Amino acid sequence: MLFIDAAIRFSALGFLLLMTVVIIRDLPRSSRGYLLLSSNFLLACFLLGTMPTEFQLPHAVQIPFRLLDTLLIPVTWFLVLTLFHPYFRLSYRYVLVALLLTSSMLAERMVWLGIIQKLPPEWPLLVIGLAVSVVIHMLVVILSGRTDDLIERRRRYRLYFVVIISLSILIAIFVGSIWLRSAQATTQAMSVWLPIASLTLWLVKGDTSALAFYRKGDNVNKQTDIDKQWMQKLDSLMQTERLYCREKLSVKDLATALGVAEHKLRALINKHSGYSNFSHYINSLRVDAVVKCLESREYDHLPILTLALNHGFNSLPPFNRAFKSEVGLTPSQFRKNLRDFQN
């Protein structure tokens, strides 16, 4: 078992080092890149701080690793949200959950250090419950946006993420904490080896561009004659029939109306508009139409909510988020600034 542990643990550390080099070399400086690097560092802390007794690090060296690895799940959670959640913004709710999980794990570390004598018997259940809840939220976020994803390769990766994370949970919690408690350190190292190896393979294969989730591309690829024809049909359909005003419009609905396969439509929109998320593409059309209404005195008597509902949004909060994302101001600020300028 000791040889297996060493093979798993040190190969994972090698993967982390390789992944870090690729991230620094290929990924632009962004919150995603920094979170990936932070996650790599915390995974390394976890692997180094939980080694078996036979090759355990000196206690003084082990302490900072064991304290830092309490941040691993919250940082990974934030990374997944920035990658897969279309409108993720760090709010007090996310911070509160992260603090609860980190502090509950820190309390266990305090017992390990002898600073706290003991915790209630139910404490491990609290830690596991919080950790599992965060991981379940990750899985929901990953899967819920799959329909809107316009990049086929990344749509498949969403399923891989779910499978890998689920297997990691099974290994870490049920195998390590319940079935093979005597080999808990090895099973926990095995649980993180799966996502580390998978993500490293993804990045080494050159798929770093897929980490630029939910952003409009800077460059739109050159169109072929056939693509131009399809894009003209799509633009005509949007302008004449205003399909973007249809509430809950899906890729399938639009592909049916256009008479093209879903995968072809996804590729067209992504390749020639730069959007990698269908909702962002549709919302950009809706926001543009609302902006034109706000710029016209003809619609001054209509509340902003009415304009949002008339153009396909089902409520005000998602409209406000989409509008601010596209324009940089809230709809109310935009209307006020416009009227102040016109007056």
Protein backbone atom coordinates (compact mmCIF):
# COMPACT_ATOMS: atom_id res chain seq x y z
CA MET A 1 0.00 0.00 0.00
CA LEU A 2 2.92 2.31 0.74
CA PHE A 3 4.27 1.89 -2.80
CA ILE A 4 0.80 2.58 -4.25
CA ASP A 5 0.47 5.70 -2.12
CA ALA A 6 3.86 7.01 -3.23
CA ALA A 7 3.05 6.35 -6.91
CA ILE A 8 -0.29 8.14 -6.65
CA ARG A 9 0.93 11.05 -4.55
CA PHE A 10 4.14 11.90 -6.38
CA SER A 11 2.68 11.40 -9.86
CA ALA A 12 -0.09 13.82 -8.84
CA LEU A 13 2.54 16.34 -7.72
CA GLY A 14 4.25 15.91 -11.09
CA PHE A 15 0.98 16.54 -12.90
CA LEU A 16 0.43 19.67 -10.81
CA LEU A 17 3.87 21.00 -11.72
CA LEU A 18 3.26 20.33 -15.42
CA MET A 19 -0.19 21.91 -15.26
CA THR A 20 1.20 25.00 -13.53
CA VAL A 21 3.78 25.47 -16.31
CA VAL A 22 1.06 25.18 -18.97
CA ILE A 23 -1.21 27.64 -17.14
CA ILE A 24 1.55 30.23 -16.77
CA ARG A 25 2.61 29.75 -20.40
CA ASP A 26 -0.75 29.58 -22.18
CA LEU A 27 -3.47 31.17 -20.10
CA PRO A 28 -3.94 34.94 -19.86
CA ARG A 29 -3.82 36.60 -16.51
CA SER A 30 -7.38 36.36 -15.23
CA SER A 31 -9.37 35.29 -12.19
CA ARG A 32 -9.63 31.81 -13.70
CA GLY A 33 -5.89 31.54 -14.18
CA TYR A 34 -5.17 32.74 -10.66
CA LEU A 35 -7.77 30.39 -9.17
CA LEU A 36 -6.31 27.48 -11.14
CA LEU A 37 -2.85 28.28 -9.81
CA SER A 38 -4.22 28.65 -6.27
CA SER A 39 -6.05 25.34 -6.59
CA ASN A 40 -2.84 23.67 -7.77
CA PHE A 41 -0.92 25.09 -4.83
CA LEU A 42 -3.56 23.95 -2.33
CA LEU A 43 -3.71 20.48 -3.89
CA ALA A 44 0.05 20.25 -3.45
CA CYS A 45 -0.36 21.32 0.20
CA PHE A 46 -2.97 18.59 0.65
CA LEU A 47 -0.77 15.90 -0.93
CA LEU A 48 2.32 16.92 1.06
CA GLY A 49 0.49 17.41 4.33
CA THR A 50 -1.35 14.07 4.41
CA MET A 51 1.48 11.67 3.58
CA PRO A 52 1.65 8.32 5.43
CA THR A 53 3.75 8.05 8.57
CA GLU A 54 6.57 6.23 6.74
CA PHE A 55 7.55 9.29 4.70
CA GLN A 56 5.72 12.02 6.56
CA LEU A 57 7.24 15.49 6.56
CA PRO A 58 8.55 17.00 9.82
CA HIS A 59 5.70 18.26 11.98
CA ALA A 60 6.79 21.90 11.72
CA VAL A 61 6.68 21.66 7.90
CA GLN A 62 3.44 19.71 7.90
CA ILE A 63 1.51 22.29 9.95
CA PRO A 64 1.28 25.07 7.30
CA PHE A 65 0.32 22.51 4.64
CA ARG A 66 -2.50 21.13 6.81
CA LEU A 67 -3.77 24.62 7.62
CA LEU A 68 -3.68 25.82 4.03
CA ASP A 69 -5.44 22.77 2.58
CA THR A 70 -8.63 23.81 4.42
CA LEU A 71 -9.03 26.36 1.61
CA LEU A 72 -8.93 23.70 -1.14
CA ILE A 73 -12.65 22.99 -1.49
CA PRO A 74 -13.78 26.67 -1.32
CA VAL A 75 -11.16 27.75 -3.89
CA THR A 76 -12.10 24.85 -6.19
CA TRP A 77 -15.75 25.82 -5.77
CA PHE A 78 -15.05 29.42 -6.79
CA LEU A 79 -13.01 28.15 -9.76
CA VAL A 80 -15.89 25.98 -10.99
CA LEU A 81 -18.33 28.87 -10.57
CA THR A 82 -16.14 31.26 -12.57
CA LEU A 83 -15.82 28.64 -15.31
CA PHE A 84 -19.37 27.38 -15.54
CA HIS A 85 -21.72 29.95 -14.00
CA PRO A 86 -22.65 32.54 -16.67
CA TYR A 87 -23.26 35.44 -14.26
CA PHE A 88 -21.19 34.47 -11.25
CA ARG A 89 -20.29 37.29 -8.92
CA LEU A 90 -18.71 36.68 -5.53
CA SER A 91 -21.37 37.62 -2.99
CA TYR A 92 -21.66 37.42 0.79
CA ARG A 93 -23.57 34.12 0.53
CA TYR A 94 -20.70 32.36 -1.21
CA VAL A 95 -18.18 33.89 1.18
CA LEU A 96 -20.28 32.85 4.19
CA VAL A 97 -20.50 29.22 3.05
CA ALA A 98 -16.76 29.18 2.29
CA LEU A 99 -15.97 30.59 5.74
CA LEU A 100 -18.23 28.04 7.44
CA LEU A 101 -16.56 25.14 5.63
CA THR A 102 -13.02 26.44 6.15
CA SER A 103 -13.57 27.26 9.84
CA SER A 104 -15.14 23.84 10.52
CA MET A 105 -12.09 22.17 8.99
CA LEU A 106 -9.74 24.51 10.85
CA ALA A 107 -11.38 23.44 14.10
CA GLU A 108 -10.40 19.85 13.31
CA ARG A 109 -6.84 21.02 12.64
CA MET A 110 -6.82 22.76 16.03
CA VAL A 111 -7.62 19.42 17.66
CA TRP A 112 -4.78 17.82 15.67
CA LEU A 113 -2.42 20.56 16.91
CA GLY A 114 -3.62 20.15 20.50
CA ILE A 115 -4.96 23.69 20.73
CA ILE A 116 -8.51 22.38 21.19
CA GLN A 117 -9.06 19.31 23.33
CA LYS A 118 -12.00 17.83 21.45
CA LEU A 119 -15.00 18.64 19.29
CA PRO A 120 -18.56 17.33 19.49
CA PRO A 121 -18.98 13.79 18.09
CA GLU A 122 -21.19 15.16 15.31
CA TRP A 123 -18.49 17.53 14.04
CA PRO A 124 -17.18 15.24 11.24
CA LEU A 125 -20.74 14.96 9.93
CA LEU A 126 -20.95 18.76 9.84
CA VAL A 127 -17.71 19.00 7.83
CA ILE A 128 -18.74 16.23 5.44
CA GLY A 129 -22.21 17.73 5.06
CA LEU A 130 -20.85 21.16 4.17
CA ALA A 131 -18.26 19.72 1.80
CA VAL A 132 -20.77 17.48 0.02
CA SER A 133 -23.25 20.38 -0.29
CA VAL A 134 -20.60 22.54 -1.96
CA VAL A 135 -19.62 19.72 -4.32
CA ILE A 136 -23.27 19.03 -5.21
CA HIS A 137 -23.67 22.72 -6.04
CA MET A 138 -20.63 22.45 -8.32
CA LEU A 139 -22.22 19.52 -10.15
CA VAL A 140 -25.54 21.34 -10.56
CA VAL A 141 -23.80 24.43 -11.98
CA ILE A 142 -21.73 22.32 -14.38
CA LEU A 143 -24.73 20.42 -15.72
CA SER A 144 -27.28 23.24 -15.77
CA GLY A 145 -25.34 25.27 -18.33
CA ARG A 146 -24.59 22.41 -20.71
CA THR A 147 -27.57 23.14 -22.99
CA ASP A 148 -26.44 26.73 -23.53
CA ASP A 149 -22.80 25.87 -24.20
CA LEU A 150 -21.93 26.52 -27.85
CA ILE A 151 -18.62 24.63 -27.87
CA GLU A 152 -19.21 20.92 -28.46
CA ARG A 153 -15.91 19.79 -26.97
CA ARG A 154 -16.56 21.73 -23.80
CA ARG A 155 -20.12 20.37 -23.60
CA ARG A 156 -18.58 16.89 -23.43
CA TYR A 157 -16.08 18.05 -20.81
CA ARG A 158 -18.95 19.08 -18.57
CA LEU A 159 -20.04 15.44 -18.41
CA TYR A 160 -16.46 14.33 -17.79
CA PHE A 161 -16.20 16.84 -14.93
CA VAL A 162 -19.36 15.46 -13.34
CA VAL A 163 -18.16 11.85 -13.60
CA ILE A 164 -14.69 12.67 -12.28
CA ILE A 165 -15.93 14.79 -9.37
CA SER A 166 -18.51 12.14 -8.45
CA LEU A 167 -15.85 9.41 -8.45
CA SER A 168 -13.59 11.60 -6.33
CA ILE A 169 -16.38 12.04 -3.77
CA LEU A 170 -17.04 8.30 -3.66
CA ILE A 171 -13.37 7.55 -3.13
CA ALA A 172 -12.68 10.28 -0.57
CA ILE A 173 -15.80 9.99 1.56
CA PHE A 174 -17.21 6.51 1.21
CA VAL A 175 -14.03 4.52 0.56
CA GLY A 176 -11.61 6.56 2.64
CA SER A 177 -13.83 7.61 5.53
CA ILE A 178 -16.10 4.57 5.82
CA TRP A 179 -14.73 1.47 4.12
CA LEU A 180 -10.91 1.69 4.30
CA ARG A 181 -10.32 3.99 7.23
CA SER A 182 -6.87 2.45 7.83
CA ALA A 183 -5.80 3.64 4.36
CA GLN A 184 -7.60 6.97 4.46
CA ALA A 185 -4.54 9.01 3.48
CA THR A 186 -3.98 6.88 0.37
CA THR A 187 -7.62 6.93 -0.71
CA GLN A 188 -7.79 10.70 -0.27
CA ALA A 189 -4.67 11.09 -2.44
CA MET A 190 -6.32 8.82 -5.01
CA SER A 191 -9.48 10.95 -4.93
CA VAL A 192 -7.61 14.10 -5.97
CA TRP A 193 -5.39 12.23 -8.46
CA LEU A 194 -8.36 11.76 -10.82
CA PRO A 195 -9.21 15.47 -11.37
CA ILE A 196 -5.53 16.46 -11.37
CA ALA A 197 -4.60 13.94 -14.07
CA SER A 198 -7.72 14.71 -16.13
CA LEU A 199 -7.28 18.49 -16.08
CA THR A 200 -3.57 18.18 -16.84
CA LEU A 201 -4.36 16.01 -19.87
CA TRP A 202 -6.97 18.54 -21.00
CA LEU A 203 -4.53 21.45 -20.80
CA VAL A 204 -1.56 19.60 -22.30
CA LYS A 205 -3.74 18.65 -25.29
CA GLY A 206 -4.04 22.36 -26.00
CA ASP A 207 -7.60 22.93 -24.82
CA THR A 208 -6.78 26.00 -22.73
CA SER A 209 -9.07 28.14 -24.89
CA ALA A 210 -12.03 26.25 -23.45
CA LEU A 211 -11.33 27.94 -20.11
CA ALA A 212 -12.44 31.28 -21.58
CA PHE A 213 -16.03 30.52 -20.62
CA TYR A 214 -18.89 32.90 -21.32
CA ARG A 215 -16.92 35.61 -22.99
CA LYS A 216 -17.37 37.11 -26.41
CA GLY A 217 -14.34 36.41 -28.56
CA ASP A 218 -12.06 39.23 -29.65
CA ASN A 219 -11.87 37.87 -33.19
CA VAL A 220 -14.58 36.48 -35.40
CA ASN A 221 -13.36 33.79 -37.77
CA LYS A 222 -13.44 34.25 -41.53
CA GLN A 223 -16.72 33.03 -42.96
CA THR A 224 -17.03 30.56 -45.81
CA ASP A 225 -19.70 31.18 -48.45
CA ILE A 226 -21.93 28.49 -46.94
CA ASP A 227 -21.48 29.91 -43.45
CA LYS A 228 -22.34 33.38 -44.77
CA GLN A 229 -25.58 32.06 -46.20
CA TRP A 230 -26.55 30.43 -42.92
CA MET A 231 -25.61 33.52 -40.92
CA GLN A 232 -27.65 35.72 -43.27
CA LYS A 233 -30.63 33.40 -42.76
CA LEU A 234 -30.09 33.53 -39.00
CA ASP A 235 -29.81 37.33 -38.96
CA SER A 236 -32.89 37.65 -41.16
CA LEU A 237 -34.85 35.31 -38.91
CA MET A 238 -33.87 37.31 -35.85
CA GLN A 239 -34.67 40.69 -37.41
CA THR A 240 -37.91 39.82 -39.22
CA GLU A 241 -39.49 37.36 -36.80
CA ARG A 242 -37.67 38.63 -33.70
CA LEU A 243 -37.32 35.12 -32.32
CA TYR A 244 -35.05 36.45 -29.60
CA CYS A 245 -38.18 37.92 -27.98
CA ARG A 246 -39.54 34.44 -27.41
CA GLU A 247 -39.25 33.57 -23.73
CA LYS A 248 -37.09 30.53 -22.96
CA LEU A 249 -35.85 30.27 -26.52
CA SER A 250 -33.47 27.29 -26.76
CA VAL A 251 -30.82 26.18 -29.23
CA LYS A 252 -33.19 23.41 -30.31
CA ASP A 253 -36.02 25.88 -30.97
CA LEU A 254 -33.82 28.16 -33.03
CA ALA A 255 -32.23 25.27 -34.95
CA THR A 256 -35.69 23.97 -35.85
CA ALA A 257 -36.83 27.40 -37.03
CA LEU A 258 -33.66 27.82 -39.09
CA GLY A 259 -33.74 24.28 -40.46
CA VAL A 260 -30.24 23.35 -39.37
CA ALA A 261 -28.80 20.75 -36.99
CA GLU A 262 -28.20 21.89 -33.41
CA HIS A 263 -24.46 21.19 -33.50
CA LYS A 264 -24.16 23.19 -36.74
CA LEU A 265 -26.03 26.14 -35.21
CA ARG A 266 -23.85 26.06 -32.11
CA ALA A 267 -20.70 26.11 -34.24
CA LEU A 268 -22.04 28.94 -36.43
CA ILE A 269 -22.90 31.22 -33.53
CA ASN A 270 -19.66 30.52 -31.71
CA LYS A 271 -17.47 30.79 -34.80
CA HIS A 272 -18.99 33.90 -36.33
CA SER A 273 -20.37 35.89 -33.42
CA GLY A 274 -17.69 35.04 -30.86
CA TYR A 275 -20.16 33.96 -28.18
CA SER A 276 -19.58 30.68 -26.38
CA ASN A 277 -22.89 30.72 -24.49
CA PHE A 278 -26.28 30.69 -26.22
CA SER A 279 -28.06 32.71 -23.54
CA HIS A 280 -25.42 35.43 -23.79
CA TYR A 281 -25.88 35.54 -27.55
CA ILE A 282 -29.68 35.82 -27.30
CA ASN A 283 -29.52 38.26 -24.41
CA SER A 284 -27.17 40.50 -26.40
CA LEU A 285 -29.85 40.77 -29.12
CA ARG A 286 -32.52 41.44 -26.52
CA VAL A 287 -30.43 44.10 -24.79
CA ASP A 288 -29.65 45.80 -28.12
CA ALA A 289 -33.38 45.97 -28.87
CA VAL A 290 -34.15 47.38 -25.41
CA VAL A 291 -31.38 49.98 -25.80
CA LYS A 292 -33.02 51.18 -29.02
CA CYS A 293 -36.33 51.49 -27.15
CA LEU A 294 -34.70 53.43 -24.33
CA GLU A 295 -33.09 55.78 -26.84
CA SER A 296 -36.48 56.55 -28.36
CA ARG A 297 -38.87 59.02 -26.71
CA GLU A 298 -41.70 56.87 -28.01
CA TYR A 299 -41.18 54.38 -25.17
CA ASP A 300 -40.67 56.85 -22.32
CA HIS A 301 -44.03 55.94 -20.83
CA LEU A 302 -43.14 52.23 -20.53
CA PRO A 303 -41.49 50.93 -17.34
CA ILE A 304 -38.19 49.14 -17.75
CA LEU A 305 -39.78 45.88 -16.57
CA THR A 306 -42.32 46.07 -19.40
CA LEU A 307 -39.56 46.56 -21.96
CA ALA A 308 -37.66 43.60 -20.51
CA LEU A 309 -40.71 41.32 -20.61
CA ASN A 310 -41.58 42.45 -24.16
CA HIS A 311 -38.12 41.38 -25.33
CA GLY A 312 -37.96 37.86 -23.90
CA PHE A 313 -36.75 38.29 -20.32
CA ASN A 314 -38.93 36.59 -17.73
CA SER A 315 -38.05 38.87 -14.81
CA LEU A 316 -36.10 42.00 -13.92
CA PRO A 317 -32.98 40.56 -12.15
CA PRO A 318 -31.69 38.52 -15.14
CA PHE A 319 -32.43 41.46 -17.43
CA ASN A 320 -30.48 43.85 -15.18
CA ARG A 321 -27.52 41.44 -15.12
CA ALA A 322 -27.54 40.98 -18.90
CA PHE A 323 -27.96 44.71 -19.54
CA LYS A 324 -25.13 45.71 -17.23
CA SER A 325 -22.91 43.00 -18.72
CA GLU A 326 -23.49 44.34 -22.24
CA VAL A 327 -23.77 48.09 -21.62
CA GLY A 328 -21.82 48.62 -18.40
CA LEU A 329 -24.72 50.40 -16.67
CA THR A 330 -28.01 49.32 -15.17
CA PRO A 331 -31.08 50.06 -17.34
CA SER A 332 -32.21 52.77 -14.92
CA GLN A 333 -28.80 54.47 -14.99
CA PHE A 334 -28.70 54.27 -18.78
CA ARG A 335 -32.16 55.82 -19.17
CA LYS A 336 -31.42 58.56 -16.63
CA ASN A 337 -28.07 59.46 -18.21
CA LEU A 338 -29.64 59.50 -21.64
CA ARG A 339 -32.49 61.78 -20.59
CA ASP A 340 -30.13 64.10 -18.72
CA PHE A 341 -28.05 64.41 -21.87
CA GLN A 342 -31.07 64.95 -24.13
CA ASN A 343 -32.51 67.59 -21.82
